[in-house]
Amino acid sequence: MENPDLKMRQGAGNGRAARLSMSAEFAVFRDFCLMMRPPVPSNSSQVHRRNAFSKGLSEETSRTISMLHQLVYSSAPAQKFMQSHLHMILRHARQNNKLRNVTGLLVFVDNTFLQVLEGEETEVKNVFDKIKSDHRHNDIKVLSDSPIQTRAFENWEMAYATPSARDMANWAGLHNTTTIEKVFEHITQNPNLVSGIFSNLLQSVSRTKQEQ
């Protein structure tokens, strides 16, 4: 007579063996499928192209952001102008320009302002918009407004000079001009005249800085 316990143990052993056999067969089948699957193409070239595009976009954005701009304008005080007012304007201009990375020059001659603003175009325009809304200015005229390669007054948040109208005329090559208004008229017609004026003004403010 068969032992029922032995028969059950044999049955359980056979079941485990069957399951192990099926697991082994499945593993072989899985490995076969993996071998037969076509290789996944490397996406390294796609990553390279994406990185190159991002780099190019970054460089283009950087060039756009760092594009320098220069704006030159003239204006007249809206009321009687005192030296203390000038000092206050210079102090505020230097503080604001430093925050915006704007440089430039303020000239005061014959009760008339000439101001140069240099920096990223957006910042220069923002500063000029505030100037236009300043009640202390009248008769604001843009003499030159264009992109530049380098700053003329890169070492000054706002340099200051007080040349004579005759000096300004001579620096612009306008030897027959005697008034600052005429000098500005010529600059408006030919903005290239400012290069001679800036060169001499730069020398003037540099000497003043060394003497201080």
Protein backbone atom coordinates (compact mmCIF):
# COMPACT_ATOMS: atom_id res chain seq x y z
CA MET A 1 0.00 0.00 0.00
CA GLU A 2 1.40 3.39 -1.06
CA ASN A 3 2.26 5.90 1.58
CA PRO A 4 0.02 8.95 1.02
CA ASP A 5 2.53 11.29 2.61
CA LEU A 6 5.30 10.09 0.34
CA LYS A 7 3.08 10.47 -2.69
CA MET A 8 2.26 14.06 -1.74
CA ARG A 9 5.94 14.88 -1.23
CA GLN A 10 6.79 13.43 -4.61
CA GLY A 11 3.98 15.41 -6.19
CA ALA A 12 5.18 18.63 -4.59
CA GLY A 13 8.73 17.93 -5.73
CA ASN A 14 7.55 17.31 -9.27
CA GLY A 15 5.62 20.61 -9.19
CA ARG A 16 8.68 22.56 -8.08
CA ALA A 17 10.77 20.91 -10.76
CA ALA A 18 8.17 21.80 -13.37
CA ARG A 19 8.10 25.42 -12.22
CA LEU A 20 11.90 25.62 -12.27
CA SER A 21 11.94 24.14 -15.75
CA MET A 22 9.40 26.68 -16.96
CA SER A 23 11.39 29.56 -15.36
CA ALA A 24 14.55 28.39 -17.09
CA GLU A 25 12.75 28.11 -20.42
CA PHE A 26 11.31 31.61 -19.96
CA ALA A 27 14.76 33.02 -19.18
CA VAL A 28 16.15 31.43 -22.36
CA PHE A 29 13.25 32.78 -24.39
CA ARG A 30 13.72 36.25 -22.86
CA ASP A 31 17.44 36.28 -23.66
CA PHE A 32 16.70 35.13 -27.21
CA CYS A 33 14.22 37.97 -27.69
CA LEU A 34 16.72 40.49 -26.37
CA MET A 35 19.36 39.20 -28.77
CA MET A 36 16.99 39.38 -31.74
CA ARG A 37 15.74 42.90 -30.91
CA PRO A 38 17.32 45.50 -33.22
CA PRO A 39 19.78 47.80 -31.43
CA VAL A 40 18.40 51.13 -30.24
CA PRO A 41 20.13 53.89 -32.19
CA SER A 42 22.34 56.09 -30.06
CA ASN A 43 20.88 59.53 -29.42
CA SER A 44 24.33 61.04 -28.85
CA SER A 45 24.10 62.88 -32.18
CA GLN A 46 20.72 64.27 -31.19
CA VAL A 47 22.12 65.39 -27.84
CA HIS A 48 25.09 66.95 -29.63
CA ARG A 49 22.80 68.83 -32.01
CA ARG A 50 20.61 69.97 -29.13
CA ASN A 51 23.63 71.13 -27.14
CA ALA A 52 25.04 72.88 -30.18
CA PHE A 53 21.72 74.63 -30.77
CA SER A 54 21.50 75.64 -27.12
CA LYS A 55 25.06 76.91 -27.20
CA GLY A 56 24.39 78.87 -30.39
CA LEU A 57 21.21 80.32 -28.92
CA SER A 58 23.05 81.24 -25.74
CA GLU A 59 25.82 82.96 -27.68
CA GLU A 60 23.31 84.80 -29.86
CA THR A 61 21.36 85.89 -26.79
CA SER A 62 24.57 87.02 -25.13
CA ARG A 63 25.53 89.07 -28.17
CA THR A 64 22.09 90.65 -28.26
CA ILE A 65 22.13 91.47 -24.57
CA SER A 66 25.65 92.87 -24.65
CA MET A 67 25.04 95.08 -27.71
CA LEU A 68 26.15 98.57 -26.74
CA HIS A 69 24.19 101.69 -27.55
CA GLN A 70 24.93 105.39 -27.29
CA LEU A 71 22.44 108.23 -27.05
CA VAL A 72 23.43 111.91 -27.09
CA TYR A 73 20.92 114.64 -26.35
CA SER A 74 20.80 118.31 -25.47
CA SER A 75 18.39 120.12 -23.17
CA ALA A 76 17.93 123.35 -21.26
CA PRO A 77 17.14 123.85 -17.57
CA ALA A 78 13.46 124.51 -16.97
CA GLN A 79 14.26 127.21 -14.43
CA LYS A 80 17.16 129.19 -13.01
CA PHE A 81 19.93 126.71 -12.50
CA MET A 82 22.24 126.76 -9.49
CA GLN A 83 25.48 124.89 -8.89
CA SER A 84 23.89 122.93 -6.05
CA HIS A 85 21.28 121.60 -8.51
CA LEU A 86 24.06 120.37 -10.78
CA HIS A 87 25.77 118.52 -7.96
CA MET A 88 22.50 116.84 -7.05
CA ILE A 89 21.87 115.79 -10.68
CA LEU A 90 25.35 114.33 -10.96
CA ARG A 91 25.05 112.42 -7.69
CA HIS A 92 21.71 110.86 -8.61
CA ALA A 93 22.83 110.12 -12.17
CA ARG A 94 25.95 108.32 -10.97
CA GLN A 95 24.02 106.22 -8.47
CA ASN A 96 21.34 105.21 -10.97
CA ASN A 97 23.77 104.60 -13.83
CA LYS A 98 25.96 102.37 -11.70
CA LEU A 99 22.98 100.10 -11.01
CA ARG A 100 22.17 99.90 -14.72
CA ASN A 101 25.78 99.62 -15.93
CA VAL A 102 25.31 102.85 -17.88
CA THR A 103 28.23 105.21 -18.42
CA GLY A 104 28.43 108.66 -19.94
CA LEU A 105 29.14 112.35 -19.71
CA LEU A 106 27.30 115.49 -18.71
CA VAL A 107 28.38 118.80 -20.25
CA PHE A 108 27.04 122.14 -19.10
CA VAL A 109 27.84 125.10 -21.32
CA ASP A 110 26.03 128.42 -21.84
CA ASN A 111 23.08 127.28 -19.71
CA THR A 112 22.63 124.20 -21.91
CA PHE A 113 23.10 120.50 -21.18
CA LEU A 114 24.73 117.95 -23.42
CA GLN A 115 24.54 114.42 -22.10
CA VAL A 116 25.97 111.14 -23.37
CA LEU A 117 24.45 107.81 -22.26
CA GLU A 118 26.16 104.49 -23.05
CA GLY A 119 25.24 100.92 -22.24
CA GLU A 120 22.83 98.17 -23.23
CA GLU A 121 20.14 99.69 -25.41
CA THR A 122 17.27 98.81 -23.08
CA GLU A 123 18.99 100.42 -20.11
CA VAL A 124 19.95 103.53 -22.07
CA LYS A 125 16.37 103.95 -23.28
CA ASN A 126 15.02 103.48 -19.75
CA VAL A 127 17.33 106.17 -18.40
CA PHE A 128 16.41 108.53 -21.22
CA ASP A 129 12.69 107.96 -20.67
CA LYS A 130 13.12 109.08 -17.06
CA ILE A 131 15.08 112.12 -18.19
CA LYS A 132 12.32 113.10 -20.62
CA SER A 133 9.77 113.00 -17.80
CA ASP A 134 11.99 115.11 -15.50
CA HIS A 135 10.42 118.54 -15.02
CA ARG A 136 13.88 120.10 -14.63
CA HIS A 137 14.55 119.71 -18.39
CA ASN A 138 13.17 121.65 -21.33
CA ASP A 139 13.69 121.51 -25.10
CA ILE A 140 15.12 117.99 -25.16
CA LYS A 141 16.67 117.15 -28.54
CA VAL A 142 18.26 113.85 -29.55
CA LEU A 143 21.51 114.61 -31.40
CA SER A 144 22.70 111.03 -31.92
CA ASP A 145 21.15 107.62 -31.24
CA SER A 146 23.00 104.55 -32.52
CA PRO A 147 24.75 101.27 -31.66
CA ILE A 148 28.46 101.42 -30.79
CA GLN A 149 31.33 98.96 -30.57
CA THR A 150 32.97 100.40 -27.45
CA ARG A 151 32.12 102.97 -24.81
CA ALA A 152 33.72 106.39 -25.00
CA PHE A 153 33.39 106.96 -21.24
CA GLU A 154 33.62 103.44 -19.85
CA ASN A 155 35.35 104.54 -16.64
CA TRP A 156 32.69 107.04 -15.58
CA GLU A 157 29.12 106.46 -14.40
CA MET A 158 28.73 110.14 -15.33
CA ALA A 159 31.74 112.30 -16.13
CA TYR A 160 31.34 116.07 -16.04
CA ALA A 161 32.89 118.87 -18.10
CA THR A 162 32.29 122.59 -18.63
CA PRO A 163 34.01 123.62 -21.87
CA SER A 164 33.21 126.83 -23.71
CA ALA A 165 31.05 126.96 -26.82
CA ARG A 166 34.16 127.93 -28.79
CA ASP A 167 35.99 124.83 -27.53
CA MET A 168 33.08 122.60 -28.54
CA ALA A 169 32.97 124.18 -32.00
CA ASN A 170 36.72 123.80 -32.55
CA TRP A 171 36.67 120.16 -31.40
CA ALA A 172 33.92 119.45 -33.93
CA GLY A 173 35.90 121.21 -36.67
CA LEU A 174 33.37 124.06 -36.82
CA HIS A 175 35.80 126.95 -36.70
CA ASN A 176 33.27 129.54 -37.86
CA THR A 177 30.67 128.58 -35.25
CA THR A 178 30.44 130.57 -32.03
CA THR A 179 27.28 129.39 -30.26
CA ILE A 180 26.46 126.08 -28.65
CA GLU A 181 23.09 126.02 -30.40
CA LYS A 182 24.84 126.07 -33.79
CA VAL A 183 27.20 123.32 -32.66
CA PHE A 184 24.22 121.14 -31.76
CA GLU A 185 22.54 121.87 -35.09
CA HIS A 186 25.62 120.66 -36.94
CA ILE A 187 25.85 117.53 -34.78
CA THR A 188 22.21 116.70 -35.54
CA GLN A 189 22.94 116.96 -39.27
CA ASN A 190 26.22 115.06 -38.98
CA PRO A 191 26.48 112.84 -35.86
CA ASN A 192 30.06 111.90 -36.82
CA LEU A 193 31.14 115.29 -35.51
CA VAL A 194 30.76 114.03 -31.95
CA SER A 195 33.89 111.88 -32.27
CA GLY A 196 36.17 114.93 -32.22
CA ILE A 197 34.22 116.47 -29.34
CA PHE A 198 34.27 113.23 -27.32
CA SER A 199 37.99 112.75 -27.86
CA ASN A 200 38.77 116.16 -26.39
CA LEU A 201 36.18 115.88 -23.63
CA LEU A 202 37.68 112.53 -22.66
CA GLN A 203 41.10 114.13 -22.35
CA SER A 204 39.59 116.94 -20.30
CA VAL A 205 37.79 114.71 -17.80
CA SER A 206 40.81 112.39 -17.56
CA ARG A 207 43.04 115.31 -16.61
CA THR A 208 40.46 116.48 -14.07
CA LYS A 209 40.30 112.99 -12.55
CA GLN A 210 44.08 112.82 -12.22
CA GLU A 211 44.18 116.23 -10.55
CA GLN A 212 41.54 115.26 -7.96
